[in-house]
Amino acid sequence: MLVSDRIFIDAKFLWNDEFVSISSGLCLESFKRDYIDKHGLETKNIEFARNILSGFKFSHVYDQQTKNLTGTHILFLSESDFGGSVPKILM
């Protein structure tokens, strides 16, 4: 395998009235240690990637003539540290 398995541990914050979701993995080190112990991951070939900050914004898409809802526009932004080594061909 070219790349180790990756695990992201995040806290999510939602603003339902704005259809926005923001996630971050910062300040979750104690939860990460508990997760490793609980799932016996200390000896497995797993990298813990770190989501510094990511967010989604969901917007309705309407048909301009009928004004009917036709879909959803999704904006996604992310700043992450994948941990370990990742081949350039995959980036």
Protein backbone atom coordinates (compact mmCIF):
# COMPACT_ATOMS: atom_id res chain seq x y z
CA MET A 1 0.00 0.00 0.00
CA LEU A 2 1.31 3.45 -0.90
CA VAL A 3 -0.23 5.31 2.01
CA SER A 4 -1.03 4.38 5.61
CA ASP A 5 -4.61 4.50 6.85
CA ARG A 6 -5.56 7.93 8.17
CA ILE A 7 -7.87 8.78 11.04
CA PHE A 8 -9.28 12.26 11.62
CA ILE A 9 -10.71 13.15 15.03
CA ASP A 10 -12.77 16.34 14.89
CA ALA A 11 -15.22 18.41 16.85
CA LYS A 12 -18.05 19.79 14.72
CA PHE A 13 -19.93 23.03 15.26
CA LEU A 14 -23.20 23.65 13.39
CA TRP A 15 -25.12 26.80 12.62
CA ASN A 16 -28.40 25.40 11.31
CA ASP A 17 -29.94 28.75 10.43
CA GLU A 18 -26.98 29.48 8.11
CA PHE A 19 -26.44 25.86 6.91
CA VAL A 20 -22.79 26.04 7.98
CA SER A 21 -20.66 23.29 9.56
CA ILE A 22 -17.17 24.00 10.94
CA SER A 23 -14.81 21.26 12.13
CA SER A 24 -11.48 21.28 13.92
CA GLY A 25 -9.22 18.67 15.44
CA LEU A 26 -7.24 21.10 17.57
CA CYS A 27 -7.21 20.59 21.36
CA LEU A 28 -8.39 16.97 21.11
CA GLU A 29 -5.14 15.24 22.13
CA SER A 30 -6.59 13.62 25.27
CA PHE A 31 -9.55 12.29 23.24
CA LYS A 32 -7.07 10.94 20.65
CA ARG A 33 -5.12 9.04 23.34
CA ASP A 34 -8.36 7.57 24.72
CA TYR A 35 -9.42 6.54 21.20
CA ILE A 36 -6.08 4.81 20.55
CA ASP A 37 -6.30 2.90 23.86
CA LYS A 38 -9.97 1.93 23.40
CA HIS A 39 -9.46 0.58 19.87
CA GLY A 40 -5.99 -0.98 20.35
CA LEU A 41 -4.38 1.14 17.64
CA GLU A 42 -0.96 1.71 19.21
CA THR A 43 0.62 -1.15 17.20
CA LYS A 44 -1.23 -0.63 13.88
CA ASN A 45 0.15 1.22 10.86
CA ILE A 46 -2.19 4.20 11.21
CA GLU A 47 -1.38 7.87 10.89
CA PHE A 48 -3.48 10.40 12.76
CA ALA A 49 -4.14 13.24 10.40
CA ARG A 50 -5.01 16.60 11.91
CA ASN A 51 -7.82 18.76 10.69
CA ILE A 52 -6.74 22.26 11.62
CA LEU A 53 -9.94 23.85 10.35
CA SER A 54 -12.51 22.89 7.75
CA GLY A 55 -15.95 24.06 6.89
CA PHE A 56 -18.97 23.41 4.73
CA LYS A 57 -21.55 25.92 3.60
CA PHE A 58 -24.74 24.58 2.05
CA SER A 59 -26.95 26.79 -0.15
CA HIS A 60 -30.20 26.04 -1.93
CA VAL A 61 -30.22 26.08 -5.73
CA TYR A 62 -33.50 27.17 -7.30
CA ASP A 63 -34.78 26.91 -10.87
CA GLN A 64 -34.82 30.52 -12.09
CA GLN A 65 -38.10 30.14 -13.99
CA THR A 66 -40.21 28.01 -11.63
CA LYS A 67 -38.47 29.03 -8.38
CA ASN A 68 -38.57 25.33 -7.36
CA LEU A 69 -35.71 23.92 -5.30
CA THR A 70 -33.54 21.88 -7.68
CA GLY A 71 -30.41 21.09 -5.70
CA THR A 72 -27.77 22.11 -3.21
CA HIS A 73 -24.57 24.08 -3.73
CA ILE A 74 -21.76 22.97 -1.38
CA LEU A 75 -18.68 25.05 -0.60
CA PHE A 76 -15.91 23.12 1.20
CA LEU A 77 -12.69 24.61 2.59
CA SER A 78 -10.02 22.67 4.47
CA GLU A 79 -6.60 23.12 6.09
CA SER A 80 -5.28 19.72 7.14
CA ASP A 81 -2.04 18.00 8.07
CA PHE A 82 -2.24 14.43 6.74
CA GLY A 83 0.64 13.23 8.93
CA GLY A 84 3.36 10.86 7.75
CA SER A 85 4.45 10.70 4.14
CA VAL A 86 2.13 11.00 1.15
CA PRO A 87 3.45 10.40 -2.40
CA LYS A 88 3.33 13.53 -4.58
CA ILE A 89 1.28 11.68 -7.21
CA LEU A 90 -1.60 11.48 -4.71
CA MET A 91 -1.52 15.15 -3.72
